[in-house]
């Protein structure tokens, strides 16, 4: 029985989805994959269904009715994974900004080390980002610095979306109480793990911007992160923040 599942949310990832699935399933360590597709009009889900015939025991698909947000896609995937017997549950992008080979390093940090959360970190050893314009690198780096200052978390890459959670972390966090739906979801999950006293370890990775498909970043997502973090911290200070 495979003890690890990689959750990959997709929306219009037809150019990447086959390659990312085949890369993950070709690794020396066995991983299952759960694709959570938000009704991609480009046929992403149809491609996954074809690949399921090739990997019937390791590739799974959840189809949702529309574009409902990154956070809710992961929550859906987490709940699915918790119903199974997976011990290690991963978040990873479909666009190769996260190197599939690094899954093994994140796995080992939790399975062989003492960590309950392993974060693929762009900033723990400097700035390890490839193909981003300087303005976006600066925005992302400053956002992580801001979140770290406000929350007190000793994490350099607070907005990272390449993460391994041990099962016990997701069982502890009330997934129905997660508020954020965009990239701020990543901050909220780490903050709740931090408040729950789980050990979080950053593993240095090189983040490479997508070469195929289009980014889902927007001003609304950035605004949610900036103001949501303040609300989150204030609630935790007055013991009204639910984990």
Protein backbone atom coordinates (compact mmCIF):
# COMPACT_ATOMS: atom_id res chain seq x y z
CA UNK A 1 0.00 0.00 0.00
CA UNK A 2 1.38 3.42 -0.99
CA UNK A 3 1.56 5.70 2.08
CA UNK A 4 1.88 9.06 0.26
CA UNK A 5 -0.44 10.97 -2.06
CA UNK A 6 0.34 14.10 -4.08
CA UNK A 7 -2.62 16.43 -4.50
CA UNK A 8 -2.43 18.53 -7.68
CA UNK A 9 -5.19 21.10 -8.32
CA UNK A 10 -5.73 21.87 -12.01
CA UNK A 11 -7.48 24.45 -14.12
CA UNK A 12 -6.54 24.53 -17.81
CA UNK A 13 -3.34 22.50 -17.39
CA UNK A 14 -3.66 20.37 -20.53
CA UNK A 15 -0.12 21.37 -21.54
CA UNK A 16 1.37 20.12 -18.27
CA UNK A 17 -0.84 17.46 -16.71
CA UNK A 18 0.41 14.38 -18.59
CA UNK A 19 4.07 15.26 -18.07
CA UNK A 20 3.67 16.01 -14.36
CA UNK A 21 1.76 12.77 -13.74
CA UNK A 22 4.31 10.65 -15.58
CA UNK A 23 7.23 12.37 -13.83
CA UNK A 24 5.79 11.77 -10.36
CA UNK A 25 4.85 8.16 -11.05
CA UNK A 26 8.33 7.45 -12.43
CA UNK A 27 10.08 8.40 -9.18
CA UNK A 28 12.01 5.75 -7.25
CA UNK A 29 9.65 6.11 -4.30
CA UNK A 30 6.00 5.25 -4.91
CA UNK A 31 3.46 8.06 -4.73
CA UNK A 32 -0.21 8.13 -5.60
CA UNK A 33 -1.62 11.22 -7.32
CA UNK A 34 -4.96 12.92 -6.81
CA UNK A 35 -5.90 15.49 -9.47
CA UNK A 36 -8.57 17.97 -8.34
CA UNK A 37 -9.85 19.60 -11.53
CA UNK A 38 -12.11 22.66 -11.54
CA UNK A 39 -14.02 21.85 -14.73
CA UNK A 40 -11.16 22.90 -17.02
CA UNK A 41 -12.57 23.84 -20.44
CA UNK A 42 -9.33 22.75 -22.14
CA UNK A 43 -9.91 19.04 -21.46
CA UNK A 44 -7.51 18.54 -18.55
CA UNK A 45 -9.84 16.09 -16.78
CA UNK A 46 -10.40 14.10 -19.98
CA UNK A 47 -6.64 13.66 -20.36
CA UNK A 48 -6.38 12.46 -16.76
CA UNK A 49 -9.11 9.88 -17.40
CA UNK A 50 -7.13 8.51 -20.34
CA UNK A 51 -4.02 8.27 -18.14
CA UNK A 52 -6.01 6.46 -15.44
CA UNK A 53 -6.21 3.51 -17.80
CA UNK A 54 -2.39 3.39 -17.75
CA UNK A 55 -2.09 3.95 -13.97
CA UNK A 56 -5.35 2.54 -12.53
CA UNK A 57 -3.99 1.96 -9.03
CA UNK A 58 -2.05 5.19 -8.56
CA UNK A 59 -3.92 8.00 -10.34
CA UNK A 60 -7.19 9.43 -9.04
CA UNK A 61 -9.42 12.28 -10.17
CA UNK A 62 -11.96 14.53 -8.46
CA UNK A 63 -13.94 16.80 -10.77
CA UNK A 64 -15.58 19.95 -9.44
CA UNK A 65 -18.28 22.02 -11.07
CA UNK A 66 -16.30 25.21 -11.57
CA UNK A 67 -13.31 27.34 -10.64
CA UNK A 68 -13.73 27.44 -6.87
CA UNK A 69 -10.26 28.46 -5.71
CA UNK A 70 -6.95 26.86 -4.79
CA UNK A 71 -7.74 26.57 -1.09
CA UNK A 72 -11.02 24.75 -1.54
CA UNK A 73 -9.39 22.42 -4.07
CA UNK A 74 -6.81 21.38 -1.49
CA UNK A 75 -9.43 21.06 1.27
CA UNK A 76 -11.41 18.73 -1.01
CA UNK A 77 -8.23 16.75 -1.67
CA UNK A 78 -7.24 16.63 2.00
CA UNK A 79 -10.63 15.25 3.02
CA UNK A 80 -10.42 12.61 0.30
CA UNK A 81 -6.89 11.63 1.40
CA UNK A 82 -7.90 11.40 5.08
CA UNK A 83 -10.65 8.96 4.16
CA UNK A 84 -7.91 6.71 2.81
CA UNK A 85 -4.92 5.38 4.74
CA UNK A 86 -2.30 7.86 3.53
CA UNK A 87 0.23 8.95 6.14
CA UNK A 88 1.88 11.68 4.02
CA UNK A 89 -0.19 14.16 2.05
CA UNK A 90 1.42 16.60 -0.38
CA UNK A 91 0.53 19.84 -2.11
CA UNK A 92 2.17 20.44 -5.50
CA UNK A 93 1.54 22.60 -8.57
CA UNK A 94 0.88 21.07 -11.99
CA UNK A 95 3.11 23.46 -13.92
CA UNK A 96 6.61 22.15 -12.97
CA UNK A 97 7.37 25.19 -10.81
CA UNK A 98 7.87 22.47 -8.20
CA UNK A 99 10.40 19.82 -9.21
CA UNK A 100 8.84 16.34 -8.77
CA UNK A 101 12.24 14.98 -7.70
CA UNK A 102 11.99 17.11 -4.55
CA UNK A 103 8.97 15.12 -3.38
CA UNK A 104 11.36 12.49 -2.02
CA UNK A 105 13.27 15.09 0.00
CA UNK A 106 10.06 16.43 1.53
CA UNK A 107 8.90 12.88 2.23
CA UNK A 108 12.14 12.00 3.99
CA UNK A 109 11.96 15.12 6.18
CA UNK A 110 8.68 13.84 7.62
CA UNK A 111 9.11 10.06 7.35
CA UNK A 112 12.72 9.79 8.46
CA UNK A 113 13.08 13.03 10.43
CA UNK A 114 11.15 14.56 13.31
CA UNK A 115 9.05 17.03 11.31
CA UNK A 116 5.30 16.90 10.86
CA UNK A 117 5.31 19.50 8.07
CA UNK A 118 7.97 19.88 5.36
CA UNK A 119 7.95 23.02 3.22
CA UNK A 120 9.70 23.25 -0.13
CA UNK A 121 11.23 26.65 0.51
CA UNK A 122 12.36 29.21 -2.04
CA UNK A 123 13.90 31.56 0.52
CA UNK A 124 15.49 29.55 3.33
CA UNK A 125 18.94 29.68 1.65
CA UNK A 126 18.59 32.98 -0.23
CA UNK A 127 16.30 33.52 -3.21
CA UNK A 128 15.98 30.38 -5.34
CA UNK A 129 13.55 31.46 -8.05
CA UNK A 130 14.08 31.04 -11.80
CA UNK A 131 12.34 32.90 -14.64
CA UNK A 132 10.33 35.33 -12.52
CA UNK A 133 10.57 39.07 -13.25
CA UNK A 134 12.33 40.95 -10.45
CA UNK A 135 9.08 42.70 -9.48
CA UNK A 136 7.36 39.39 -8.76
CA UNK A 137 10.37 37.97 -6.90
CA UNK A 138 10.42 41.08 -4.72
CA UNK A 139 6.66 40.92 -4.11
CA UNK A 140 6.79 37.26 -3.10
CA UNK A 141 9.87 37.70 -0.89
CA UNK A 142 8.43 40.76 0.86
CA UNK A 143 5.09 38.98 1.35
CA UNK A 144 6.83 36.14 3.16
CA UNK A 145 8.82 38.61 5.28
CA UNK A 146 5.60 40.46 6.13
CA UNK A 147 3.77 37.27 7.11
CA UNK A 148 6.71 36.10 9.19
CA UNK A 149 6.82 39.45 11.03
CA UNK A 150 3.07 39.59 11.71
CA UNK A 151 2.58 35.96 12.75
CA UNK A 152 5.89 35.24 14.47
CA UNK A 153 6.36 32.03 12.51
CA UNK A 154 10.01 31.09 12.01
CA UNK A 155 9.40 30.25 8.36
CA UNK A 156 11.19 32.02 5.50
CA UNK A 157 8.75 30.97 2.75
CA UNK A 158 5.34 31.39 4.36
CA UNK A 159 3.49 31.46 1.02
CA UNK A 160 5.08 28.27 -0.36
CA UNK A 161 2.69 25.85 -2.05
CA UNK A 162 4.99 22.81 -2.12
CA UNK A 163 4.31 21.06 1.18
CA UNK A 164 4.19 17.65 2.84
CA UNK A 165 1.82 17.20 5.78
CA UNK A 166 1.81 14.20 8.05
CA UNK A 167 -1.67 12.84 8.52
CA UNK A 168 -1.83 13.93 12.16
CA UNK A 169 -1.55 17.61 11.15
CA UNK A 170 -4.56 17.52 8.85
CA UNK A 171 -6.51 15.53 11.44
CA UNK A 172 -5.79 18.21 14.05
CA UNK A 173 -6.78 21.19 11.87
CA UNK A 174 -10.51 21.69 11.36
CA UNK A 175 -10.56 21.84 7.57
CA UNK A 176 -14.10 23.23 7.62
CA UNK A 177 -12.81 26.35 9.42
CA UNK A 178 -10.22 27.32 6.79
CA UNK A 179 -11.18 30.83 5.65
CA UNK A 180 -8.93 31.63 2.69
CA UNK A 181 -9.46 30.34 -0.83
CA UNK A 182 -6.51 31.86 -2.75
CA UNK A 183 -2.79 31.71 -2.08
CA UNK A 184 -3.39 33.00 1.47
CA UNK A 185 -4.65 29.47 2.10
CA UNK A 186 -0.99 28.42 2.21
CA UNK A 187 -0.29 30.92 4.97
CA UNK A 188 -3.33 29.89 6.99
CA UNK A 189 -2.44 26.20 6.89
CA UNK A 190 1.10 26.86 8.09
CA UNK A 191 -0.12 29.22 10.82
CA UNK A 192 -2.58 26.66 12.17
CA UNK A 193 0.12 23.99 12.15
CA UNK A 194 2.44 26.43 13.95
CA UNK A 195 -0.18 27.28 16.61
CA UNK A 196 -0.76 23.55 17.08
CA UNK A 197 2.95 23.13 17.95
CA UNK A 198 3.77 20.87 15.03
CA UNK A 199 7.40 20.89 13.90
CA UNK A 200 7.76 22.62 10.52
CA UNK A 201 10.96 22.18 8.51
CA UNK A 202 11.95 24.11 5.41
CA UNK A 203 13.70 22.14 2.66
CA UNK A 204 15.51 24.37 0.13
CA UNK A 205 14.18 23.96 -3.41
CA UNK A 206 14.59 25.82 -6.69
CA UNK A 207 11.29 27.26 -7.91
CA UNK A 208 11.06 27.54 -11.70
CA UNK A 209 8.24 29.59 -13.21
CA UNK A 210 5.92 27.79 -15.60
CA UNK A 211 6.92 27.60 -19.25
CA UNK A 212 3.52 26.29 -20.41
CA UNK A 213 0.02 27.49 -19.57
CA UNK A 214 -0.90 30.69 -17.73
CA UNK A 215 -0.50 31.87 -14.13
CA UNK A 216 -3.57 32.14 -11.86
CA UNK A 217 -2.18 35.04 -9.74
CA UNK A 218 -4.41 38.11 -9.33
CA UNK A 219 -4.61 41.36 -7.30
CA UNK A 220 -7.51 39.90 -5.29
CA UNK A 221 -5.35 36.99 -4.19
CA UNK A 222 -2.62 39.39 -2.99
CA UNK A 223 -5.16 41.56 -1.12
CA UNK A 224 -6.58 38.49 0.61
CA UNK A 225 -3.13 37.58 1.85
CA UNK A 226 -2.16 41.05 3.09
CA UNK A 227 -5.34 41.84 5.04
CA UNK A 228 -6.25 38.28 5.93
CA UNK A 229 -2.99 37.75 7.80
CA UNK A 230 -3.71 40.74 10.04
CA UNK A 231 -7.20 39.45 10.88
CA UNK A 232 -5.79 36.00 11.52
CA UNK A 233 -3.14 37.29 13.95
CA UNK A 234 -5.57 39.57 15.81
CA UNK A 235 -8.04 36.72 16.33
CA UNK A 236 -5.28 34.46 17.64
CA UNK A 237 -4.19 37.17 20.11
CA UNK A 238 -7.70 37.32 21.56
CA UNK A 239 -8.20 33.55 21.60
CA UNK A 240 -10.97 33.69 19.01
CA UNK A 241 -9.02 31.94 16.27
CA UNK A 242 -10.30 28.42 15.70
CA UNK A 243 -7.81 25.72 14.70
